Amino acid sequence: MSVRIQYTIPGWEPALPAARLNATESGSAFDAKLRESATASPESWHELLRLGRPQPGEFHLTPPPRPAALSYSDVDESRRRWHGLLGRRLSEQPSDPKVAGMLTMLAQLQEGEDAVAARTMMDSRG
């Protein structure tokens, strides 16, 4: 009885470049490195991280479909709604300390988002 253990995830195996395979067969390792570095074209960081490749099999999740009622066209209206909702919640004092902590964090995030929006507007005008 034999057991085969697979140490790599299918689709994530490292691939050896063809130049490296040919060079190691005909000469020393140092000569192979010299030939490989002279002939290899530099890859972009997107290619090095394989960002353009689709994820293999079970690790690939498609985004959920967007509901028809949800519209992303009016960002200013969404921001006004969020400000109103958060303002109403902050005016009340919650009894639960966890809720109070979450509202404090949301208020800080809102202040940061407002600062980024203001800076973006200033940069676009100047």
N, C-alpha and C. Protein backbone atom coordinates (compact mmCIF):
# COMPACT_ATOMS: atom_id res chain seq x y z
N MET A 1 0.84 -1.16 0.00
CA MET A 1 0.00 0.00 0.00
C MET A 1 0.89 1.24 0.00
N SER A 2 0.57 2.18 -0.86
CA SER A 2 1.35 3.41 -0.91
C SER A 2 0.41 4.61 -0.84
N VAL A 3 0.91 5.64 -0.25
CA VAL A 3 0.12 6.86 -0.10
C VAL A 3 0.85 7.98 -0.83
N ARG A 4 0.12 8.67 -1.65
CA ARG A 4 0.71 9.78 -2.39
C ARG A 4 0.26 11.08 -1.72
N ILE A 5 1.23 11.89 -1.35
CA ILE A 5 0.94 13.17 -0.72
C ILE A 5 1.24 14.26 -1.72
N GLN A 6 0.28 15.12 -1.95
CA GLN A 6 0.46 16.22 -2.88
C GLN A 6 0.70 17.49 -2.07
N TYR A 7 1.87 18.10 -2.25
CA TYR A 7 2.24 19.25 -1.47
C TYR A 7 1.86 20.58 -2.11
N THR A 8 1.36 20.54 -3.31
CA THR A 8 0.97 21.78 -3.98
C THR A 8 -0.52 21.75 -4.29
N ILE A 9 -1.10 22.93 -4.34
CA ILE A 9 -2.50 23.06 -4.69
C ILE A 9 -2.60 23.04 -6.21
N PRO A 10 -3.51 22.24 -6.77
CA PRO A 10 -3.63 22.21 -8.24
C PRO A 10 -3.92 23.60 -8.78
N GLY A 11 -3.17 23.98 -9.82
CA GLY A 11 -3.32 25.29 -10.41
C GLY A 11 -2.37 26.32 -9.82
N TRP A 12 -1.69 25.99 -8.73
CA TRP A 12 -0.78 26.92 -8.09
C TRP A 12 0.67 26.43 -8.14
N GLU A 13 0.94 25.40 -8.94
CA GLU A 13 2.29 24.86 -9.02
C GLU A 13 3.22 25.88 -9.69
N PRO A 14 4.43 26.01 -9.17
CA PRO A 14 5.37 26.91 -9.84
C PRO A 14 5.83 26.30 -11.16
N ALA A 15 5.86 27.10 -12.19
CA ALA A 15 6.28 26.63 -13.51
C ALA A 15 7.71 27.07 -13.77
N LEU A 16 8.54 26.16 -14.26
CA LEU A 16 9.92 26.50 -14.60
C LEU A 16 9.96 27.09 -15.99
N PRO A 17 10.66 28.20 -16.17
CA PRO A 17 10.79 28.78 -17.51
C PRO A 17 11.56 27.84 -18.43
N ALA A 18 11.26 27.86 -19.71
CA ALA A 18 11.91 26.98 -20.67
C ALA A 18 13.40 27.28 -20.76
N ALA A 19 13.79 28.56 -20.65
CA ALA A 19 15.21 28.92 -20.73
C ALA A 19 15.99 28.27 -19.58
N ARG A 20 15.42 28.19 -18.42
CA ARG A 20 16.10 27.59 -17.28
C ARG A 20 16.28 26.09 -17.48
N LEU A 21 15.29 25.42 -18.03
CA LEU A 21 15.41 23.98 -18.26
C LEU A 21 16.51 23.68 -19.27
N ASN A 22 16.58 24.41 -20.37
CA ASN A 22 17.59 24.17 -21.39
C ASN A 22 18.98 24.51 -20.89
N ALA A 23 19.10 25.56 -20.10
CA ALA A 23 20.41 26.00 -19.63
C ALA A 23 21.00 25.01 -18.62
N THR A 24 20.20 24.47 -17.76
CA THR A 24 20.74 23.56 -16.74
C THR A 24 21.15 22.23 -17.35
N GLU A 25 20.59 21.88 -18.49
CA GLU A 25 20.98 20.62 -19.12
C GLU A 25 22.34 20.72 -19.80
N SER A 26 22.74 21.93 -20.24
CA SER A 26 23.97 22.05 -21.01
C SER A 26 24.95 23.03 -20.37
N GLY A 27 25.56 22.66 -19.25
CA GLY A 27 26.58 23.52 -18.67
C GLY A 27 26.43 23.65 -17.17
N SER A 28 27.27 24.52 -16.63
CA SER A 28 27.26 24.70 -15.18
C SER A 28 26.10 25.60 -14.76
N ALA A 29 25.83 25.61 -13.50
CA ALA A 29 24.73 26.41 -12.97
C ALA A 29 25.01 27.91 -13.11
N PHE A 30 26.27 28.30 -12.96
CA PHE A 30 26.63 29.71 -13.10
C PHE A 30 26.44 30.19 -14.54
N ASP A 31 26.89 29.37 -15.50
CA ASP A 31 26.69 29.72 -16.92
C ASP A 31 25.20 29.81 -17.25
N ALA A 32 24.44 28.91 -16.68
CA ALA A 32 23.00 28.93 -16.93
C ALA A 32 22.38 30.21 -16.39
N LYS A 33 22.80 30.63 -15.21
CA LYS A 33 22.27 31.87 -14.64
C LYS A 33 22.64 33.07 -15.51
N LEU A 34 23.89 33.10 -16.00
CA LEU A 34 24.32 34.20 -16.86
C LEU A 34 23.49 34.25 -18.14
N ARG A 35 23.29 33.10 -18.78
CA ARG A 35 22.51 33.07 -20.02
C ARG A 35 21.05 33.44 -19.76
N GLU A 36 20.53 32.98 -18.65
CA GLU A 36 19.14 33.26 -18.32
C GLU A 36 18.93 34.75 -18.05
N SER A 37 19.85 35.37 -17.30
CA SER A 37 19.69 36.79 -16.99
C SER A 37 19.90 37.66 -18.22
N ALA A 38 20.72 37.21 -19.17
CA ALA A 38 20.95 37.99 -20.38
C ALA A 38 19.77 37.91 -21.34
N THR A 39 19.07 36.78 -21.35
CA THR A 39 17.97 36.61 -22.31
C THR A 39 16.61 36.89 -21.71
N ALA A 40 16.50 36.89 -20.39
CA ALA A 40 15.19 37.06 -19.77
C ALA A 40 14.74 38.51 -19.87
N SER A 41 13.51 38.70 -20.28
CA SER A 41 12.96 40.05 -20.31
C SER A 41 12.32 40.34 -18.96
N PRO A 42 12.47 41.56 -18.48
CA PRO A 42 11.89 41.87 -17.16
C PRO A 42 10.36 41.83 -17.22
N GLU A 43 9.78 41.22 -16.22
CA GLU A 43 8.33 41.14 -16.15
C GLU A 43 7.81 42.30 -15.31
N SER A 44 6.59 42.68 -15.58
CA SER A 44 5.98 43.72 -14.74
C SER A 44 5.56 43.09 -13.42
N TRP A 45 5.27 43.91 -12.45
CA TRP A 45 4.87 43.38 -11.15
C TRP A 45 3.53 42.69 -11.22
N HIS A 46 2.69 43.08 -12.21
CA HIS A 46 1.41 42.38 -12.38
C HIS A 46 1.66 40.94 -12.81
N GLU A 47 2.62 40.76 -13.73
CA GLU A 47 2.93 39.41 -14.19
C GLU A 47 3.62 38.59 -13.11
N LEU A 48 4.52 39.24 -12.34
CA LEU A 48 5.20 38.52 -11.27
C LEU A 48 4.23 38.00 -10.21
N LEU A 49 3.23 38.82 -9.87
CA LEU A 49 2.25 38.41 -8.87
C LEU A 49 1.10 37.62 -9.48
N ARG A 50 1.12 37.46 -10.79
CA ARG A 50 0.10 36.72 -11.53
C ARG A 50 -1.30 37.27 -11.28
N LEU A 51 -1.40 38.60 -11.29
CA LEU A 51 -2.68 39.24 -11.06
C LEU A 51 -3.62 39.10 -12.25
N GLY A 52 -3.06 38.93 -13.43
CA GLY A 52 -3.89 38.80 -14.62
C GLY A 52 -4.48 37.41 -14.80
N ARG A 53 -3.92 36.42 -14.11
CA ARG A 53 -4.41 35.05 -14.24
C ARG A 53 -5.65 34.83 -13.39
N PRO A 54 -6.61 34.11 -13.91
CA PRO A 54 -7.76 33.79 -13.06
C PRO A 54 -7.35 32.80 -11.98
N GLN A 55 -8.01 32.88 -10.86
CA GLN A 55 -7.70 31.99 -9.76
C GLN A 55 -8.15 30.58 -10.11
N PRO A 56 -7.42 29.57 -9.66
CA PRO A 56 -7.79 28.21 -10.00
C PRO A 56 -9.03 27.72 -9.26
N GLY A 57 -9.82 26.95 -9.94
CA GLY A 57 -10.97 26.22 -9.46
C GLY A 57 -11.73 26.72 -8.27
N GLU A 58 -11.58 26.02 -7.16
CA GLU A 58 -12.42 26.26 -6.01
C GLU A 58 -12.12 27.58 -5.32
N PHE A 59 -10.99 28.22 -5.63
CA PHE A 59 -10.65 29.47 -4.99
C PHE A 59 -11.24 30.67 -5.73
N HIS A 60 -11.86 30.44 -6.85
CA HIS A 60 -12.41 31.53 -7.64
C HIS A 60 -13.88 31.73 -7.30
N LEU A 61 -14.21 32.90 -6.80
CA LEU A 61 -15.58 33.24 -6.48
C LEU A 61 -16.02 34.39 -7.36
N THR A 62 -17.13 34.24 -8.01
CA THR A 62 -17.65 35.33 -8.82
C THR A 62 -18.39 36.30 -7.91
N PRO A 63 -18.42 37.57 -8.26
CA PRO A 63 -19.14 38.51 -7.41
C PRO A 63 -20.63 38.25 -7.48
N PRO A 64 -21.33 38.55 -6.41
CA PRO A 64 -22.78 38.33 -6.42
C PRO A 64 -23.45 39.31 -7.38
N PRO A 65 -24.59 38.95 -7.91
CA PRO A 65 -25.27 39.88 -8.82
C PRO A 65 -25.77 41.09 -8.06
N ARG A 66 -25.70 42.24 -8.70
CA ARG A 66 -26.16 43.48 -8.08
C ARG A 66 -27.67 43.56 -8.16
N PRO A 67 -28.34 43.87 -7.06
CA PRO A 67 -29.79 44.00 -7.11
C PRO A 67 -30.20 45.13 -8.04
N ALA A 68 -31.32 44.95 -8.73
CA ALA A 68 -31.78 45.94 -9.69
C ALA A 68 -32.16 47.24 -8.99
N ALA A 69 -32.61 47.16 -7.74
CA ALA A 69 -33.03 48.36 -7.02
C ALA A 69 -31.84 49.19 -6.53
N LEU A 70 -30.65 48.61 -6.51
CA LEU A 70 -29.47 49.31 -6.01
C LEU A 70 -28.82 50.10 -7.12
N SER A 71 -28.65 51.38 -6.91
CA SER A 71 -28.05 52.24 -7.91
C SER A 71 -26.81 52.91 -7.34
N TYR A 72 -25.72 52.88 -8.08
CA TYR A 72 -24.48 53.51 -7.65
C TYR A 72 -24.26 54.84 -8.35
N SER A 73 -25.26 55.33 -9.04
CA SER A 73 -25.05 56.51 -9.86
C SER A 73 -24.98 57.80 -9.06
N ASP A 74 -25.68 57.91 -7.91
CA ASP A 74 -25.72 59.15 -7.16
C ASP A 74 -24.92 59.01 -5.87
N VAL A 75 -23.64 59.31 -5.93
CA VAL A 75 -22.76 59.16 -4.77
C VAL A 75 -23.07 60.23 -3.73
N ASP A 76 -23.39 61.44 -4.19
CA ASP A 76 -23.69 62.51 -3.23
C ASP A 76 -24.93 62.20 -2.40
N GLU A 77 -25.96 61.64 -3.03
CA GLU A 77 -27.16 61.28 -2.30
C GLU A 77 -26.87 60.17 -1.28
N SER A 78 -26.06 59.22 -1.67
CA SER A 78 -25.67 58.15 -0.76
C SER A 78 -24.91 58.71 0.43
N ARG A 79 -24.01 59.66 0.17
CA ARG A 79 -23.24 60.28 1.25
C ARG A 79 -24.17 61.06 2.19
N ARG A 80 -25.16 61.77 1.65
CA ARG A 80 -26.11 62.51 2.49
C ARG A 80 -26.94 61.56 3.35
N ARG A 81 -27.37 60.46 2.77
CA ARG A 81 -28.13 59.47 3.55
C ARG A 81 -27.30 58.92 4.70
N TRP A 82 -26.05 58.60 4.40
CA TRP A 82 -25.16 58.05 5.42
C TRP A 82 -24.93 59.07 6.54
N HIS A 83 -24.69 60.34 6.17
CA HIS A 83 -24.51 61.38 7.17
C HIS A 83 -25.75 61.51 8.05
N GLY A 84 -26.93 61.48 7.41
CA GLY A 84 -28.18 61.58 8.18
C GLY A 84 -28.37 60.42 9.13
N LEU A 85 -28.13 59.21 8.63
CA LEU A 85 -28.28 58.01 9.46
C LEU A 85 -27.32 58.04 10.64
N LEU A 86 -26.07 58.35 10.37
CA LEU A 86 -25.07 58.38 11.44
C LEU A 86 -25.35 59.52 12.42
N GLY A 87 -25.79 60.66 11.90
CA GLY A 87 -26.12 61.79 12.78
C GLY A 87 -27.27 61.47 13.72
N ARG A 88 -28.29 60.79 13.22
CA ARG A 88 -29.42 60.40 14.07
C ARG A 88 -28.96 59.42 15.14
N ARG A 89 -28.14 58.46 14.77
CA ARG A 89 -27.67 57.46 15.74
C ARG A 89 -26.73 58.07 16.79
N LEU A 90 -25.93 59.04 16.37
CA LEU A 90 -24.99 59.65 17.32
C LEU A 90 -25.70 60.59 18.29
N SER A 91 -26.87 61.11 17.91
CA SER A 91 -27.59 62.01 18.81
C SER A 91 -28.20 61.24 19.99
N GLU A 92 -28.46 59.95 19.81
CA GLU A 92 -28.98 59.11 20.88
C GLU A 92 -27.81 58.47 21.63
N GLN A 93 -27.96 58.26 22.90
CA GLN A 93 -26.93 57.56 23.67
C GLN A 93 -27.33 56.09 23.80
N PRO A 94 -26.59 55.18 23.16
CA PRO A 94 -26.94 53.76 23.28
C PRO A 94 -26.59 53.23 24.67
N SER A 95 -27.39 52.25 25.10
CA SER A 95 -27.15 51.66 26.42
C SER A 95 -26.03 50.62 26.38
N ASP A 96 -25.86 49.99 25.24
CA ASP A 96 -24.84 48.95 25.10
C ASP A 96 -23.48 49.59 24.78
N PRO A 97 -22.43 49.30 25.57
CA PRO A 97 -21.12 49.90 25.28
C PRO A 97 -20.52 49.43 23.95
N LYS A 98 -20.89 48.23 23.50
CA LYS A 98 -20.39 47.76 22.21
C LYS A 98 -20.95 48.61 21.08
N VAL A 99 -22.24 48.95 21.17
CA VAL A 99 -22.87 49.79 20.15
C VAL A 99 -22.26 51.19 20.18
N ALA A 100 -22.01 51.70 21.37
CA ALA A 100 -21.38 53.02 21.50
C ALA A 100 -19.98 53.01 20.88
N GLY A 101 -19.23 51.95 21.10
CA GLY A 101 -17.89 51.83 20.51
C GLY A 101 -17.95 51.76 18.99
N MET A 102 -18.92 51.02 18.46
CA MET A 102 -19.06 50.91 17.02
C MET A 102 -19.46 52.25 16.41
N LEU A 103 -20.38 52.98 17.07
CA LEU A 103 -20.78 54.29 16.56
C LEU A 103 -19.62 55.28 16.60
N THR A 104 -18.80 55.20 17.64
CA THR A 104 -17.62 56.06 17.72
C THR A 104 -16.66 55.76 16.58
N MET A 105 -16.44 54.49 16.31
CA MET A 105 -15.56 54.11 15.21
C MET A 105 -16.13 54.58 13.87
N LEU A 106 -17.44 54.42 13.67
CA LEU A 106 -18.06 54.86 12.43
C LEU A 106 -17.96 56.38 12.27
N ALA A 107 -18.10 57.12 13.37
CA ALA A 107 -17.97 58.58 13.31
C ALA A 107 -16.54 58.97 12.93
N GLN A 108 -15.54 58.26 13.47
CA GLN A 108 -14.15 58.55 13.11
C GLN A 108 -13.89 58.22 11.65
N LEU A 109 -14.44 57.11 11.17
CA LEU A 109 -14.27 56.77 9.76
C LEU A 109 -14.94 57.80 8.87
N GLN A 110 -16.10 58.31 9.30
CA GLN A 110 -16.79 59.33 8.53
C GLN A 110 -15.99 60.62 8.47
N GLU A 111 -15.37 61.00 9.58
CA GLU A 111 -14.51 62.19 9.58
C GLU A 111 -13.33 62.02 8.63
N GLY A 112 -12.73 60.82 8.63
CA GLY A 112 -11.63 60.55 7.70
C GLY A 112 -12.08 60.59 6.26
N GLU A 113 -13.25 60.03 5.98
CA GLU A 113 -13.78 60.04 4.62
C GLU A 113 -14.09 61.46 4.17
N ASP A 114 -14.62 62.28 5.08
CA ASP A 114 -14.90 63.68 4.76
C ASP A 114 -13.61 64.43 4.46
N ALA A 115 -12.55 64.14 5.23
CA ALA A 115 -11.26 64.80 4.99
C ALA A 115 -10.69 64.41 3.64
N VAL A 116 -10.81 63.14 3.27
CA VAL A 116 -10.31 62.68 1.96
C VAL A 116 -11.12 63.33 0.84
N ALA A 117 -12.44 63.39 1.00
CA ALA A 117 -13.28 64.02 -0.02
C ALA A 117 -12.95 65.49 -0.18
N ALA A 118 -12.73 66.20 0.94
CA ALA A 118 -12.37 67.61 0.87
C ALA A 118 -11.02 67.80 0.21
N ARG A 119 -10.06 66.94 0.55
CA ARG A 119 -8.73 67.05 -0.06
C ARG A 119 -8.78 66.75 -1.55
N THR A 120 -9.60 65.79 -1.94
CA THR A 120 -9.75 65.46 -3.36
C THR A 120 -10.34 66.63 -4.12
N MET A 121 -11.34 67.29 -3.53
CA MET A 121 -11.94 68.44 -4.18
C MET A 121 -10.95 69.58 -4.29
N MET A 122 -10.15 69.79 -3.26
CA MET A 122 -9.15 70.86 -3.29
C MET A 122 -8.09 70.59 -4.37
N ASP A 123 -7.66 69.34 -4.47
CA ASP A 123 -6.66 68.97 -5.46
C ASP A 123 -7.20 69.10 -6.88
N SER A 124 -8.46 68.78 -7.09
CA SER A 124 -9.03 68.85 -8.43
C SER A 124 -9.23 70.30 -8.88
N ARG A 125 -9.42 71.21 -7.95
CA ARG A 125 -9.61 72.62 -8.30
C ARG A 125 -8.28 73.33 -8.52
N GLY A 126 -7.25 72.87 -7.84
CA GLY A 126 -5.97 73.57 -7.89
C GLY A 126 -5.09 73.04 -8.89
